[in-house]
């Protein structure tokens, strides 16, 4: 189960990053070019929300079954985990920052739905999706992606 979850989480992450990147760029370009908000923009923002939530669910399950997640904290203790940069990344930093990423994307999506005209809709998406994207990029375990 662990290896399957790790495989799915790792490869789904490429899709998540791609969709969030496209949704963020779309929101920024549309905001600055004063484009009208349309069904394509809604679907793109919604798809970004969905893929990030699915990735979060897979990641949370993985956190509880992985030897690098909760088991690492339980077996080694918080002091040891915090002193080891690799253990800290997988047990503390990556999960925490990715949860924050999903929170920002969710807030952006929710706030944009409440706006009635295009510019404020794109503004909410641009702000919160950009923050989410930056957070996500800061804590991707890049050494695992390219090994």
N, C-alpha and C. Protein backbone atom coordinates (compact mmCIF):
# COMPACT_ATOMS: atom_id res chain seq x y z
N UNK A 1 0.81 -1.19 0.00
CA UNK A 1 0.00 0.00 0.00
C UNK A 1 0.86 1.26 0.00
N UNK A 2 1.93 1.24 0.80
CA UNK A 2 2.80 2.41 0.89
C UNK A 2 3.41 2.76 -0.46
N UNK A 3 3.95 1.78 -1.16
CA UNK A 3 4.61 2.06 -2.44
C UNK A 3 3.61 2.56 -3.49
N UNK A 4 2.40 2.03 -3.47
CA UNK A 4 1.38 2.50 -4.41
C UNK A 4 0.98 3.94 -4.10
N UNK A 5 0.76 4.24 -2.83
CA UNK A 5 0.41 5.61 -2.45
C UNK A 5 1.53 6.59 -2.79
N UNK A 6 2.75 6.18 -2.53
CA UNK A 6 3.90 7.04 -2.84
C UNK A 6 3.98 7.29 -4.34
N UNK A 7 3.76 6.26 -5.13
CA UNK A 7 3.79 6.39 -6.58
C UNK A 7 2.71 7.36 -7.06
N UNK A 8 1.47 7.17 -6.58
CA UNK A 8 0.35 8.02 -6.98
C UNK A 8 0.60 9.46 -6.53
N UNK A 9 1.02 9.64 -5.29
CA UNK A 9 1.28 10.98 -4.76
C UNK A 9 2.38 11.68 -5.56
N UNK A 10 3.42 10.96 -5.90
CA UNK A 10 4.54 11.54 -6.62
C UNK A 10 4.16 11.96 -8.04
N UNK A 11 3.43 11.11 -8.74
CA UNK A 11 3.10 11.43 -10.13
C UNK A 11 1.90 12.36 -10.25
N UNK A 12 0.97 12.30 -9.32
CA UNK A 12 -0.16 13.23 -9.31
C UNK A 12 0.36 14.65 -9.06
N UNK A 13 1.48 14.76 -8.35
CA UNK A 13 2.07 16.06 -8.03
C UNK A 13 2.44 16.82 -9.30
N UNK A 14 2.88 16.12 -10.34
CA UNK A 14 3.19 16.78 -11.61
C UNK A 14 1.95 17.45 -12.18
N UNK A 15 0.83 16.74 -12.14
CA UNK A 15 -0.43 17.29 -12.64
C UNK A 15 -0.87 18.48 -11.79
N UNK A 16 -0.75 18.35 -10.49
CA UNK A 16 -1.13 19.44 -9.58
C UNK A 16 -0.31 20.68 -9.89
N UNK A 17 0.99 20.52 -9.98
CA UNK A 17 1.86 21.66 -10.26
C UNK A 17 1.51 22.30 -11.60
N UNK A 18 1.30 21.50 -12.61
CA UNK A 18 0.96 22.01 -13.94
C UNK A 18 -0.37 22.78 -13.91
N UNK A 19 -1.38 22.22 -13.29
CA UNK A 19 -2.70 22.86 -13.25
C UNK A 19 -2.66 24.14 -12.43
N UNK A 20 -1.99 24.13 -11.29
CA UNK A 20 -1.89 25.33 -10.47
C UNK A 20 -1.10 26.41 -11.22
N UNK A 21 -0.05 26.02 -11.89
CA UNK A 21 0.73 26.97 -12.68
C UNK A 21 -0.13 27.60 -13.78
N UNK A 22 -0.86 26.79 -14.51
CA UNK A 22 -1.72 27.29 -15.59
C UNK A 22 -2.82 28.19 -15.02
N UNK A 23 -3.46 27.76 -13.93
CA UNK A 23 -4.54 28.56 -13.34
C UNK A 23 -4.00 29.89 -12.82
N UNK A 24 -2.83 29.89 -12.23
CA UNK A 24 -2.23 31.12 -11.71
C UNK A 24 -1.86 32.07 -12.84
N UNK A 25 -1.21 31.55 -13.86
CA UNK A 25 -0.83 32.38 -15.01
C UNK A 25 -2.08 32.93 -15.69
N UNK A 26 -3.09 32.10 -15.85
CA UNK A 26 -4.35 32.55 -16.45
C UNK A 26 -4.96 33.69 -15.64
N UNK A 27 -4.99 33.55 -14.32
CA UNK A 27 -5.57 34.59 -13.46
C UNK A 27 -4.76 35.89 -13.54
N UNK A 28 -3.44 35.78 -13.54
CA UNK A 28 -2.60 36.97 -13.61
C UNK A 28 -2.75 37.69 -14.94
N UNK A 29 -2.67 36.93 -16.03
CA UNK A 29 -2.81 37.54 -17.36
C UNK A 29 -4.19 38.16 -17.52
N UNK A 30 -5.22 37.44 -17.10
CA UNK A 30 -6.58 37.94 -17.24
C UNK A 30 -6.82 39.17 -16.38
N UNK A 31 -6.24 39.21 -15.20
CA UNK A 31 -6.39 40.36 -14.31
C UNK A 31 -5.75 41.59 -14.95
N UNK A 32 -4.50 41.45 -15.39
CA UNK A 32 -3.78 42.61 -15.93
C UNK A 32 -4.27 43.03 -17.31
N UNK A 33 -4.85 42.12 -18.06
CA UNK A 33 -5.36 42.48 -19.39
C UNK A 33 -6.85 42.82 -19.36
N UNK A 34 -7.44 42.82 -18.16
CA UNK A 34 -8.84 43.18 -17.96
C UNK A 34 -9.79 42.33 -18.82
N UNK A 35 -9.51 41.06 -18.87
CA UNK A 35 -10.32 40.11 -19.63
C UNK A 35 -11.62 39.82 -18.88
N UNK A 36 -12.64 39.43 -19.61
CA UNK A 36 -13.91 39.03 -19.01
C UNK A 36 -13.80 37.60 -18.47
N UNK A 37 -14.36 37.39 -17.31
CA UNK A 37 -14.37 36.08 -16.68
C UNK A 37 -15.39 35.20 -17.40
N UNK A 38 -14.95 34.00 -17.79
CA UNK A 38 -15.84 33.11 -18.53
C UNK A 38 -15.86 31.70 -17.97
N UNK A 39 -16.61 30.83 -18.62
CA UNK A 39 -16.72 29.44 -18.15
C UNK A 39 -15.37 28.71 -18.12
N UNK A 40 -14.49 29.03 -19.07
CA UNK A 40 -13.16 28.41 -19.09
C UNK A 40 -12.38 28.76 -17.82
N UNK A 41 -12.49 30.00 -17.41
CA UNK A 41 -11.78 30.45 -16.21
C UNK A 41 -12.34 29.77 -14.97
N UNK A 42 -13.65 29.63 -14.92
CA UNK A 42 -14.29 28.94 -13.79
C UNK A 42 -13.83 27.49 -13.72
N UNK A 43 -13.86 26.81 -14.86
CA UNK A 43 -13.46 25.39 -14.89
C UNK A 43 -11.99 25.21 -14.51
N UNK A 44 -11.15 26.10 -14.98
CA UNK A 44 -9.72 26.01 -14.67
C UNK A 44 -9.48 26.21 -13.17
N UNK A 45 -10.12 27.20 -12.58
CA UNK A 45 -9.98 27.44 -11.14
C UNK A 45 -10.53 26.26 -10.34
N UNK A 46 -11.66 25.72 -10.77
CA UNK A 46 -12.26 24.58 -10.09
C UNK A 46 -11.39 23.33 -10.21
N UNK A 47 -10.85 23.08 -11.38
CA UNK A 47 -9.99 21.92 -11.59
C UNK A 47 -8.74 22.03 -10.72
N UNK A 48 -8.18 23.23 -10.60
CA UNK A 48 -7.02 23.44 -9.72
C UNK A 48 -7.39 23.12 -8.28
N UNK A 49 -8.56 23.55 -7.86
CA UNK A 49 -9.03 23.26 -6.50
C UNK A 49 -9.19 21.76 -6.29
N UNK A 50 -9.79 21.08 -7.24
CA UNK A 50 -10.04 19.64 -7.11
C UNK A 50 -8.75 18.84 -7.05
N UNK A 51 -7.81 19.11 -7.97
CA UNK A 51 -6.58 18.32 -7.98
C UNK A 51 -5.74 18.55 -6.73
N UNK A 52 -5.76 19.77 -6.19
CA UNK A 52 -5.00 20.01 -4.96
C UNK A 52 -5.64 19.31 -3.77
N UNK A 53 -6.96 19.28 -3.72
CA UNK A 53 -7.62 18.58 -2.61
C UNK A 53 -7.40 17.07 -2.70
N UNK A 54 -7.42 16.53 -3.89
CA UNK A 54 -7.13 15.09 -4.05
C UNK A 54 -5.69 14.79 -3.62
N UNK A 55 -4.77 15.65 -4.02
CA UNK A 55 -3.37 15.46 -3.63
C UNK A 55 -3.22 15.54 -2.11
N UNK A 56 -3.95 16.44 -1.49
CA UNK A 56 -3.90 16.56 -0.03
C UNK A 56 -4.40 15.27 0.63
N UNK A 57 -5.49 14.73 0.14
CA UNK A 57 -6.01 13.48 0.72
C UNK A 57 -5.01 12.34 0.58
N UNK A 58 -4.43 12.20 -0.59
CA UNK A 58 -3.43 11.15 -0.81
C UNK A 58 -2.23 11.39 0.11
N UNK A 59 -1.80 12.65 0.20
CA UNK A 59 -0.66 12.99 1.05
C UNK A 59 -0.91 12.75 2.52
N UNK A 60 -2.11 13.04 2.99
CA UNK A 60 -2.42 12.79 4.40
C UNK A 60 -2.41 11.30 4.72
N UNK A 61 -2.96 10.50 3.83
CA UNK A 61 -2.92 9.04 4.04
C UNK A 61 -1.46 8.58 4.04
N UNK A 62 -0.70 9.08 3.08
CA UNK A 62 0.72 8.71 2.98
C UNK A 62 1.49 9.12 4.24
N UNK A 63 1.16 10.26 4.80
CA UNK A 63 1.83 10.75 6.00
C UNK A 63 1.70 9.74 7.15
N UNK A 64 0.55 9.09 7.25
CA UNK A 64 0.32 8.15 8.34
C UNK A 64 0.87 6.75 8.09
N UNK A 65 1.15 6.41 6.83
CA UNK A 65 1.68 5.07 6.54
C UNK A 65 3.16 5.09 6.15
N UNK A 66 3.71 6.25 5.89
CA UNK A 66 5.10 6.37 5.45
C UNK A 66 6.06 6.32 6.63
N UNK A 67 7.21 5.69 6.45
CA UNK A 67 8.23 5.72 7.50
C UNK A 67 8.85 7.12 7.66
N UNK A 68 8.64 8.00 6.69
CA UNK A 68 9.18 9.35 6.77
C UNK A 68 8.20 10.35 7.37
N UNK A 69 6.97 9.95 7.59
CA UNK A 69 5.95 10.84 8.13
C UNK A 69 5.84 10.75 9.63
N UNK A 70 4.66 10.41 10.09
CA UNK A 70 4.38 10.34 11.52
C UNK A 70 5.26 9.30 12.22
N UNK A 71 5.54 8.19 11.55
CA UNK A 71 6.40 7.16 12.14
C UNK A 71 7.78 7.72 12.46
N UNK A 72 8.28 8.62 11.61
CA UNK A 72 9.59 9.23 11.86
C UNK A 72 9.56 10.06 13.14
N UNK A 73 8.50 10.82 13.33
CA UNK A 73 8.37 11.61 14.56
C UNK A 73 8.24 10.72 15.78
N UNK A 74 7.45 9.67 15.65
CA UNK A 74 7.22 8.75 16.77
C UNK A 74 8.49 7.99 17.13
N UNK A 75 9.19 7.48 16.14
CA UNK A 75 10.37 6.65 16.38
C UNK A 75 11.60 7.46 16.81
N UNK A 76 11.78 8.64 16.22
CA UNK A 76 13.00 9.41 16.45
C UNK A 76 12.84 10.54 17.46
N UNK A 77 11.62 10.99 17.65
CA UNK A 77 11.39 12.14 18.52
C UNK A 77 11.54 13.44 17.75
N UNK A 78 10.86 14.47 18.23
CA UNK A 78 10.86 15.75 17.54
C UNK A 78 12.25 16.38 17.46
N UNK A 79 13.03 16.26 18.50
CA UNK A 79 14.38 16.85 18.52
C UNK A 79 15.27 16.30 17.42
N UNK A 80 15.28 14.99 17.27
CA UNK A 80 16.09 14.35 16.24
C UNK A 80 15.60 14.71 14.85
N UNK A 81 14.29 14.69 14.66
CA UNK A 81 13.71 15.01 13.35
C UNK A 81 14.05 16.44 12.95
N UNK A 82 13.95 17.36 13.89
CA UNK A 82 14.20 18.77 13.57
C UNK A 82 15.67 19.05 13.28
N UNK A 83 16.57 18.21 13.75
CA UNK A 83 18.00 18.40 13.49
C UNK A 83 18.42 17.82 12.14
N UNK A 84 17.65 16.89 11.61
CA UNK A 84 17.95 16.24 10.33
C UNK A 84 17.11 16.90 9.23
N UNK A 85 17.75 17.56 8.29
CA UNK A 85 17.01 18.34 7.28
C UNK A 85 16.10 17.47 6.41
N UNK A 86 16.52 16.25 6.10
CA UNK A 86 15.67 15.39 5.27
C UNK A 86 14.45 14.92 6.05
N UNK A 87 14.66 14.46 7.28
CA UNK A 87 13.54 14.02 8.10
C UNK A 87 12.59 15.19 8.38
N UNK A 88 13.15 16.37 8.65
CA UNK A 88 12.33 17.55 8.92
C UNK A 88 11.48 17.91 7.70
N UNK A 89 12.06 17.83 6.51
CA UNK A 89 11.32 18.15 5.29
C UNK A 89 10.10 17.24 5.14
N UNK A 90 10.31 15.93 5.27
CA UNK A 90 9.22 14.97 5.04
C UNK A 90 8.22 14.89 6.19
N UNK A 91 8.68 15.06 7.42
CA UNK A 91 7.79 14.87 8.57
C UNK A 91 7.10 16.15 9.01
N UNK A 92 7.72 17.31 8.72
CA UNK A 92 7.17 18.55 9.24
C UNK A 92 6.91 19.59 8.14
N UNK A 93 7.96 19.98 7.43
CA UNK A 93 7.86 21.11 6.50
C UNK A 93 6.93 20.83 5.32
N UNK A 94 7.16 19.73 4.62
CA UNK A 94 6.36 19.42 3.43
C UNK A 94 4.87 19.30 3.77
N UNK A 95 4.49 18.51 4.76
CA UNK A 95 3.05 18.42 5.06
C UNK A 95 2.44 19.76 5.50
N UNK A 96 3.15 20.49 6.34
CA UNK A 96 2.61 21.76 6.85
C UNK A 96 2.43 22.78 5.72
N UNK A 97 3.44 22.94 4.90
CA UNK A 97 3.38 23.92 3.83
C UNK A 97 2.37 23.51 2.75
N UNK A 98 2.26 22.23 2.48
CA UNK A 98 1.29 21.80 1.47
C UNK A 98 -0.15 21.97 1.98
N UNK A 99 -0.36 21.78 3.27
CA UNK A 99 -1.69 22.06 3.83
C UNK A 99 -1.99 23.55 3.69
N UNK A 100 -1.02 24.40 3.97
CA UNK A 100 -1.20 25.84 3.78
C UNK A 100 -1.46 26.19 2.32
N UNK A 101 -0.78 25.49 1.41
CA UNK A 101 -1.02 25.69 -0.02
C UNK A 101 -2.49 25.43 -0.36
N UNK A 102 -3.01 24.32 0.11
CA UNK A 102 -4.41 23.97 -0.16
C UNK A 102 -5.35 24.99 0.48
N UNK A 103 -5.00 25.46 1.66
CA UNK A 103 -5.82 26.47 2.33
C UNK A 103 -5.89 27.75 1.49
N UNK A 104 -4.74 28.22 1.00
CA UNK A 104 -4.73 29.44 0.19
C UNK A 104 -5.50 29.26 -1.12
N UNK A 105 -5.35 28.12 -1.76
CA UNK A 105 -6.08 27.88 -3.00
C UNK A 105 -7.58 27.81 -2.74
N UNK A 106 -7.96 27.18 -1.64
CA UNK A 106 -9.37 27.10 -1.27
C UNK A 106 -9.94 28.48 -0.96
N UNK A 107 -9.19 29.29 -0.22
CA UNK A 107 -9.64 30.65 0.09
C UNK A 107 -9.80 31.46 -1.19
N UNK A 108 -8.82 31.37 -2.07
CA UNK A 108 -8.89 32.10 -3.33
C UNK A 108 -10.09 31.70 -4.16
N UNK A 109 -10.34 30.41 -4.23
CA UNK A 109 -11.48 29.93 -5.00
C UNK A 109 -12.79 30.41 -4.38
N UNK A 110 -12.90 30.32 -3.07
CA UNK A 110 -14.13 30.73 -2.38
C UNK A 110 -14.36 32.24 -2.50
N UNK A 111 -13.31 33.01 -2.34
CA UNK A 111 -13.45 34.46 -2.43
C UNK A 111 -13.80 34.90 -3.85
N UNK A 112 -13.23 34.23 -4.84
CA UNK A 112 -13.50 34.65 -6.22
C UNK A 112 -14.95 34.39 -6.61
N UNK A 113 -15.57 33.36 -6.03
CA UNK A 113 -16.97 33.05 -6.35
C UNK A 113 -17.92 34.13 -5.84
N UNK A 114 -17.53 34.83 -4.80
CA UNK A 114 -18.40 35.84 -4.20
C UNK A 114 -18.35 37.18 -4.94
N UNK A 115 -17.36 37.35 -5.80
CA UNK A 115 -17.24 38.59 -6.56
C UNK A 115 -18.17 38.54 -7.77
N UNK A 116 -18.71 39.68 -8.14
CA UNK A 116 -19.72 39.73 -9.19
C UNK A 116 -19.17 40.11 -10.56
N UNK A 117 -18.04 40.80 -10.59
CA UNK A 117 -17.46 41.21 -11.88
C UNK A 117 -16.08 40.60 -12.06
N UNK A 118 -15.60 40.66 -13.28
CA UNK A 118 -14.40 39.92 -13.68
C UNK A 118 -13.13 40.32 -12.95
N UNK A 119 -12.82 41.61 -12.91
CA UNK A 119 -11.53 42.05 -12.34
C UNK A 119 -11.34 41.58 -10.90
N UNK A 120 -12.31 41.77 -10.00
CA UNK A 120 -12.11 41.26 -8.63
C UNK A 120 -12.04 39.73 -8.56
N UNK A 121 -12.73 39.04 -9.45
CA UNK A 121 -12.64 37.57 -9.49
C UNK A 121 -11.21 37.15 -9.80
N UNK A 122 -10.66 37.73 -10.87
CA UNK A 122 -9.29 37.39 -11.25
C UNK A 122 -8.28 37.84 -10.19
N UNK A 123 -8.58 38.96 -9.54
CA UNK A 123 -7.68 39.45 -8.49
C UNK A 123 -7.57 38.44 -7.35
N UNK A 124 -8.69 37.91 -6.90
CA UNK A 124 -8.70 36.92 -5.81
C UNK A 124 -7.95 35.66 -6.23
N UNK A 125 -8.25 35.18 -7.43
CA UNK A 125 -7.55 33.99 -7.92
C UNK A 125 -6.06 34.25 -8.04
N UNK A 126 -5.69 35.40 -8.62
CA UNK A 126 -4.28 35.71 -8.83
C UNK A 126 -3.52 35.78 -7.51
N UNK A 127 -4.08 36.46 -6.54
CA UNK A 127 -3.40 36.62 -5.25
C UNK A 127 -3.23 35.28 -4.54
N UNK A 128 -4.33 34.58 -4.33
CA UNK A 128 -4.28 33.38 -3.50
C UNK A 128 -3.65 32.19 -4.23
N UNK A 129 -3.87 32.06 -5.53
CA UNK A 129 -3.24 30.97 -6.26
C UNK A 129 -1.73 31.20 -6.38
N UNK A 130 -1.31 32.46 -6.51
CA UNK A 130 0.13 32.76 -6.56
C UNK A 130 0.79 32.43 -5.23
N UNK A 131 0.17 32.81 -4.13
CA UNK A 131 0.71 32.46 -2.82
C UNK A 131 0.80 30.94 -2.68
N UNK A 132 -0.27 30.25 -3.06
CA UNK A 132 -0.26 28.78 -3.01
C UNK A 132 0.83 28.18 -3.86
N UNK A 133 1.00 28.70 -5.07
CA UNK A 133 2.04 28.19 -5.98
C UNK A 133 3.43 28.40 -5.39
N UNK A 134 3.68 29.57 -4.85
CA UNK A 134 5.00 29.85 -4.25
C UNK A 134 5.27 28.93 -3.07
N UNK A 135 4.27 28.76 -2.21
CA UNK A 135 4.43 27.84 -1.08
C UNK A 135 4.70 26.42 -1.57
N UNK A 136 3.94 25.99 -2.57
CA UNK A 136 4.11 24.63 -3.10
C UNK A 136 5.53 24.45 -3.65
N UNK A 137 5.99 25.41 -4.43
CA UNK A 137 7.33 25.30 -5.01
C UNK A 137 8.43 25.30 -3.95
N UNK A 138 8.16 25.95 -2.81
CA UNK A 138 9.18 26.04 -1.77
C UNK A 138 9.42 24.72 -1.04
N UNK A 139 8.45 23.82 -1.05
CA UNK A 139 8.60 22.60 -0.27
C UNK A 139 8.38 21.31 -1.06
N UNK A 140 8.52 21.38 -2.37
CA UNK A 140 8.54 20.15 -3.15
C UNK A 140 9.90 19.49 -2.91
N UNK A 141 9.92 18.21 -2.62
CA UNK A 141 11.22 17.53 -2.45
C UNK A 141 11.86 17.30 -3.83
N UNK A 142 12.55 18.32 -4.33
CA UNK A 142 13.07 18.33 -5.69
C UNK A 142 14.03 17.17 -5.96
N UNK A 143 14.80 16.76 -4.94
CA UNK A 143 15.73 15.65 -5.15
C UNK A 143 15.00 14.36 -5.49
N UNK A 144 13.79 14.19 -4.99
CA UNK A 144 13.00 12.99 -5.31
C UNK A 144 12.36 13.10 -6.70
N UNK A 145 12.10 14.31 -7.15
CA UNK A 145 11.44 14.50 -8.44
C UNK A 145 12.37 14.15 -9.60
N UNK A 146 13.66 14.37 -9.41
CA UNK A 146 14.58 14.19 -10.52
C UNK A 146 15.58 13.07 -10.28
N UNK A 147 15.19 12.10 -9.46
CA UNK A 147 16.11 10.97 -9.22
C UNK A 147 15.54 9.69 -9.76
